[in-house]
C-alpha atoms as a PDB file:
ATOM      1  CA  MET A   1      26.166-104.227 -85.774  1.00  0.00           C
ATOM      2  CA  ALA A   2      24.684-107.488 -84.645  1.00  0.00           C
ATOM      3  CA  GLU A   3      27.152-109.702 -82.587  1.00  0.00           C
ATOM      4  CA  SER A   4      25.914-113.474 -83.901  1.00  0.00           C
ATOM      5  CA  GLY A   5      24.209-116.166 -81.672  1.00  0.00           C
ATOM      6  CA  LEU A   6      27.602-118.144 -82.226  1.00  0.00           C
ATOM      7  CA  ASP A   7      29.599-115.154 -80.827  1.00  0.00           C
ATOM      8  CA  LYS A   8      27.649-114.505 -78.152  1.00  0.00           C
ATOM      9  CA  ARG A   9      28.089-118.586 -77.059  1.00  0.00           C
ATOM     10  CA  TYR A  10      31.864-118.031 -77.496  1.00  0.00           C
ATOM     11  CA  VAL A  11      31.664-114.979 -74.824  1.00  0.00           C
ATOM     12  CA  GLU A  12      29.433-117.149 -72.696  1.00  0.00           C
ATOM     13  CA  PHE A  13      31.441-119.709 -72.941  1.00  0.00           C
ATOM     14  CA  LYS A  14      34.632-117.631 -72.369  1.00  0.00           C
ATOM     15  CA  GLU A  15      33.564-116.481 -68.892  1.00  0.00           C
ATOM     16  CA  ASN A  16      31.671-119.409 -67.417  1.00  0.00           C
ATOM     17  CA  TRP A  17      34.587-121.792 -68.338  1.00  0.00           C
ATOM     18  CA  ALA A  18      36.897-119.432 -65.559  1.00  0.00           C
ATOM     19  CA  THR A  19      33.609-120.497 -62.786  1.00  0.00           C
ATOM     20  CA  LEU A  20      34.219-124.672 -63.643  1.00  0.00           C
ATOM     21  CA  SER A  21      35.512-126.810 -61.455  1.00  0.00           C
ATOM     22  CA  ILE A  22      38.241-129.358 -63.223  1.00  0.00           C
ATOM     23  CA  TYR A  23      35.315-131.963 -63.927  1.00  0.00           C
ATOM     24  CA  GLU A  24      33.615-129.877 -65.508  1.00  0.00           C
ATOM     25  CA  ARG A  25      36.716-128.558 -67.716  1.00  0.00           C
ATOM     26  CA  PHE A  26      37.254-131.682 -68.770  1.00  0.00           C
ATOM     27  CA  GLU A  27      33.293-132.388 -69.367  1.00  0.00           C
ATOM     28  CA  GLN A  28      32.808-128.858 -71.738  1.00  0.00           C
ATOM     29  CA  VAL A  29      36.660-130.205 -73.678  1.00  0.00           C
ATOM     30  CA  ILE A  30      34.652-133.648 -74.184  1.00  0.00           C
ATOM     31  CA  ALA A  31      31.374-132.209 -75.237  1.00  0.00           C
ATOM     32  CA  LEU A  32      32.938-129.676 -77.757  1.00  0.00           C
ATOM     33  CA  LEU A  33      35.061-132.731 -78.712  1.00  0.00           C
ATOM     34  CA  VAL A  34      32.760-134.902 -79.869  1.00  0.00           C
ATOM     35  CA  THR A  35      30.562-132.037 -80.997  1.00  0.00           C
ATOM     36  CA  TRP A  36      33.450-131.344 -83.472  1.00  0.00           C
ATOM     37  CA  LEU A  37      33.063-134.836 -84.513  1.00  0.00           C
ATOM     38  CA  VAL A  38      29.691-135.127 -85.463  1.00  0.00           C
ATOM     39  CA  ALA A  39      30.260-132.332 -87.329  1.00  0.00           C
ATOM     40  CA  LEU A  40      31.836-133.925 -89.157  1.00  0.00           C
ATOM     41  CA  ILE A  41      29.982-137.336 -89.680  1.00  0.00           C
ATOM     42  CA  ILE A  42      27.085-134.721 -90.762  1.00  0.00           C
ATOM     43  CA  VAL A  43      29.423-133.081 -93.915  1.00  0.00           C
ATOM     44  CA  ILE A  44      30.493-136.662 -94.400  1.00  0.00           C
ATOM     45  CA  ALA A  45      26.314-137.719 -94.707  1.00  0.00           C
ATOM     46  CA  ALA A  46      25.365-134.569 -96.866  1.00  0.00           C
ATOM     47  CA  TRP A  47      27.866-134.943 -99.172  1.00  0.00           C
ATOM     48  CA  GLU A  48      27.129-138.801 -99.530  1.00  0.00           C
ATOM     49  CA  LEU A  49      23.908-137.189 -99.932  1.00  0.00           C
ATOM     50  CA  ALA A  50      24.693-134.610-101.889  1.00  0.00           C
ATOM     51  CA  LYS A  51      26.178-137.454-104.722  1.00  0.00           C
ATOM     52  CA  GLN A  52      22.860-140.116-104.743  1.00  0.00           C
ATOM     53  CA  VAL A  53      21.090-136.863-105.914  1.00  0.00           C
ATOM     54  CA  VAL A  54      23.493-135.877-108.494  1.00  0.00           C
ATOM     55  CA  VAL A  55      23.624-139.322-109.512  1.00  0.00           C
ATOM     56  CA  LEU A  56      20.358-140.626-109.058  1.00  0.00           C
ATOM     57  CA  ILE A  57      19.816-137.335-111.155  1.00  0.00           C
ATOM     58  CA  GLY A  58      22.316-137.340-113.635  1.00  0.00           C
ATOM     59  CA  SER A  59      21.605-141.392-114.815  1.00  0.00           C
ATOM     60  CA  GLY A  60      17.566-140.269-114.897  1.00  0.00           C
ATOM     61  CA  VAL A  61      16.581-142.206-112.091  1.00  0.00           C
ATOM     62  CA  LEU A  62      15.694-140.269-110.105  1.00  0.00           C
ATOM     63  CA  ASP A  63      11.654-139.906-110.167  1.00  0.00           C
ATOM     64  CA  PRO A  64       9.658-138.029-107.387  1.00  0.00           C
ATOM     65  CA  LEU A  65       7.161-140.339-108.209  1.00  0.00           C
ATOM     66  CA  ASP A  66       8.489-143.077-107.290  1.00  0.00           C
ATOM     67  CA  TYR A  67       8.085-144.077-104.360  1.00  0.00           C
ATOM     68  CA  GLN A  68      10.983-146.013-103.105  1.00  0.00           C
ATOM     69  CA  SER A  69      13.325-143.073-104.596  1.00  0.00           C
ATOM     70  CA  PHE A  70      11.310-140.984-102.278  1.00  0.00           C
ATOM     71  CA  GLN A  71      11.943-142.815 -98.798  1.00  0.00           C
ATOM     72  CA  MET A  72      15.366-143.222 -99.867  1.00  0.00           C
ATOM     73  CA  ILE A  73      16.078-139.444-100.150  1.00  0.00           C
ATOM     74  CA  PHE A  74      13.952-138.094 -97.459  1.00  0.00           C
ATOM     75  CA  GLY A  75      14.773-141.028 -95.371  1.00  0.00           C
ATOM     76  CA  GLU A  76      18.811-139.761 -95.878  1.00  0.00           C
ATOM     77  CA  ILE A  77      17.992-136.658 -95.600  1.00  0.00           C
ATOM     78  CA  MET A  78      16.050-137.277 -92.025  1.00  0.00           C
ATOM     79  CA  ILE A  79      19.271-138.640 -90.580  1.00  0.00           C
ATOM     80  CA  VAL A  80      20.835-135.202 -91.124  1.00  0.00           C
ATOM     81  CA  LEU A  81      18.180-133.353 -89.980  1.00  0.00           C
ATOM     82  CA  ILE A  82      18.472-135.775 -86.655  1.00  0.00           C
ATOM     83  CA  ALA A  83      22.451-135.521 -86.520  1.00  0.00           C
ATOM     84  CA  LEU A  84      22.655-131.470 -87.040  1.00  0.00           C
ATOM     85  CA  GLU A  85      19.305-131.514 -83.871  1.00  0.00           C
ATOM     86  CA  PHE A  86      21.891-134.193 -82.729  1.00  0.00           C
ATOM     87  CA  LYS A  87      24.942-131.478 -83.085  1.00  0.00           C
ATOM     88  CA  HIS A  88      22.908-128.541 -81.149  1.00  0.00           C
ATOM     89  CA  SER A  89      22.332-130.567 -78.212  1.00  0.00           C
ATOM     90  CA  ILE A  90      25.537-131.150 -77.262  1.00  0.00           C
ATOM     91  CA  ILE A  91      27.294-127.132 -79.106  1.00  0.00           C
ATOM     92  CA  ARG A  92      24.434-126.014 -75.710  1.00  0.00           C
ATOM     93  CA  VAL A  93      26.198-128.258 -73.101  1.00  0.00           C
ATOM     94  CA  ALA A  94      29.178-127.264 -74.315  1.00  0.00           C
ATOM     95  CA  THR A  95      28.520-122.798 -73.956  1.00  0.00           C
ATOM     96  CA  GLN A  96      26.546-122.911 -70.912  1.00  0.00           C
ATOM     97  CA  ARG A  97      25.760-124.673 -68.305  1.00  0.00           C
ATOM     98  CA  ARG A  98      23.786-127.791 -67.579  1.00  0.00           C
ATOM     99  CA  SER A  99      23.828-131.147 -67.180  1.00  0.00           C
ATOM    100  CA  ILE A 100      24.526-133.768 -70.258  1.00  0.00           C
ATOM    101  CA  ILE A 101      20.993-135.087 -70.446  1.00  0.00           C
ATOM    102  CA  GLN A 102      18.750-132.988 -71.399  1.00  0.00           C
ATOM    103  CA  VAL A 103      14.975-135.167 -71.411  1.00  0.00           C
ATOM    104  CA  ARG A 104      13.803-132.760 -73.654  1.00  0.00           C
ATOM    105  CA  THR A 105      16.338-132.690 -76.230  1.00  0.00           C
ATOM    106  CA  VAL A 106      16.245-137.001 -76.388  1.00  0.00           C
ATOM    107  CA  LEU A 107      12.470-136.711 -76.380  1.00  0.00           C
ATOM    108  CA  LEU A 108      13.202-135.219 -79.688  1.00  0.00           C
ATOM    109  CA  ILE A 109      15.508-136.525 -81.524  1.00  0.00           C
ATOM    110  CA  ALA A 110      13.994-140.342 -80.257  1.00  0.00           C
ATOM    111  CA  LEU A 111      10.754-138.677 -82.497  1.00  0.00           C
ATOM    112  CA  LEU A 112      12.599-137.875 -84.780  1.00  0.00           C
ATOM    113  CA  ALA A 113      13.741-141.148 -85.714  1.00  0.00           C
ATOM    114  CA  VAL A 114      10.752-142.392 -86.131  1.00  0.00           C
ATOM    115  CA  SER A 115       9.796-140.028 -87.827  1.00  0.00           C
ATOM    116  CA  ARG A 116      12.182-140.991 -90.515  1.00  0.00           C
ATOM    117  CA  LYS A 117      10.782-145.052 -89.174  1.00  0.00           C
ATOM    118  CA  PHE A 118       7.437-143.585 -90.400  1.00  0.00           C
ATOM    119  CA  ILE A 119       9.315-141.650 -93.883  1.00  0.00           C
ATOM    120  CA  ILE A 120      11.337-144.636 -94.540  1.00  0.00           C
ATOM    121  CA  LEU A 121       7.896-147.674 -94.265  1.00  0.00           C
ATOM    122  CA  ASP A 122       8.126-150.273 -97.218  1.00  0.00           C
ATOM    123  CA  ASN A 123       5.120-151.899 -98.009  1.00  0.00           C
ATOM    124  CA  GLU A 124       5.460-155.066 -95.673  1.00  0.00           C
ATOM    125  CA  ALA A 125       5.169-153.227 -93.166  1.00  0.00           C
ATOM    126  CA  THR A 126       2.284-154.776 -90.885  1.00  0.00           C
ATOM    127  CA  PRO A 127      -0.522-153.172 -89.367  1.00  0.00           C
ATOM    128  CA  ALA A 128       1.031-154.343 -86.073  1.00  0.00           C
ATOM    129  CA  HIS A 129       4.137-152.889 -86.826  1.00  0.00           C
ATOM    130  CA  ILE A 130       3.485-149.203 -87.592  1.00  0.00           C
ATOM    131  CA  PHE A 131       0.364-149.446 -84.860  1.00  0.00           C
ATOM    132  CA  ALA A 132       3.613-149.709 -82.842  1.00  0.00           C
ATOM    133  CA  LEU A 133       4.958-147.063 -84.282  1.00  0.00           C
ATOM    134  CA  ALA A 134       2.195-144.548 -84.151  1.00  0.00           C
ATOM    135  CA  ALA A 135       1.504-145.575 -79.856  1.00  0.00           C
ATOM    136  CA  VAL A 136       5.671-145.104 -79.933  1.00  0.00           C
ATOM    137  CA  VAL A 137       4.888-142.041 -81.426  1.00  0.00           C
ATOM    138  CA  VAL A 138       2.164-140.760 -78.604  1.00  0.00           C
ATOM    139  CA  SER A 139       4.326-141.861 -76.215  1.00  0.00           C
ATOM    140  CA  LEU A 140       7.292-139.888 -77.011  1.00  0.00           C
ATOM    141  CA  ALA A 141       5.173-136.973 -77.549  1.00  0.00           C
ATOM    142  CA  ALA A 142       3.112-136.798 -74.131  1.00  0.00           C
ATOM    143  CA  ALA A 143       6.059-137.708 -72.395  1.00  0.00           C
ATOM    144  CA  TYR A 144       7.729-134.653 -74.530  1.00  0.00           C
ATOM    145  CA  TRP A 145       5.023-132.574 -74.045  1.00  0.00           C
ATOM    146  CA  LEU A 146       5.015-133.121 -69.781  1.00  0.00           C
ATOM    147  CA  VAL A 147       8.766-132.670 -69.370  1.00  0.00           C
ATOM    148  CA  ARG A 148       8.153-128.897 -71.688  1.00  0.00           C
ATOM    149  CA  ASP A 149       5.115-127.530 -69.620  1.00  0.00           C
ATOM    150  CA  ARG A 150       7.596-128.836 -66.012  1.00  0.00           C
ATOM    151  CA  ASP A 151      10.255-126.950 -68.049  1.00  0.00           C
ATOM    152  CA  LEU A 152       7.609-123.831 -68.658  1.00  0.00           C
ATOM    153  CA  ARG A 153       6.070-123.968 -64.509  1.00  0.00           C
ATOM    154  CA  GLN A 154      10.822-123.809 -63.233  1.00  0.00           C
ATOM    155  CA  GLU A 155      11.219-120.817 -65.657  1.00  0.00           C
ATOM    156  CA  VAL A 156       7.680-118.872 -64.728  1.00  0.00           C
ATOM    157  CA  ARG A 157       8.708-119.940 -60.508  1.00  0.00           C
ATOM    158  CA  ARG A 158      12.375-118.622 -61.411  1.00  0.00           C
ATOM    159  CA  GLU A 159      10.568-115.506 -62.651  1.00  0.00           C
ATOM    160  CA  ALA A 160       8.525-115.098 -60.085  1.00  0.00           C
END
C-alpha cells in the first residue's frame, strides 16, 4: 500500500526534528500551532458558508442569476480558499527545513485576495478603481513569474 502524503510529511518532520537547533524547533512548534489555528478558522468559515447557503436555499432566496448572491457566496468561497493556501504554506514550513517567509506563497495568496476583490466588486466601482486592481494583478503576476523563474534556475543548478 502506498504511503500517503501526510504520512510522508510526518516521517520527514520526525527525521528533521533531531537535526534542528533549539530556535528551529521553536519555529517548528509555532508553525504547527499556527497551522492548527488556521485550520480551525477554515472549519469555522466553511461551516458559516454552508449555513448561509442552506439558509438561502431553504428560504428560496438563492438565485444564481442574482449577482449580489453570487458575489457574496463566491467571495466567501475565496476566503476559504485563501485560508487553505495559507495553511498549506505553513504546513510546508513545518514539514520541511525552509524559512518561514516564502515569497512565492505570499504572492500567490495576494493574487487570490485581489481575485476575490474582483469577484465581489459592486456596481459603484469606478474605472480608476478597476484599473488600479488590474495594475496590482499584473504587478503581482510579474513578480510571481520572476520569483518562480529564479527558483527554477536555482533548482536546475542544484541538479547539475
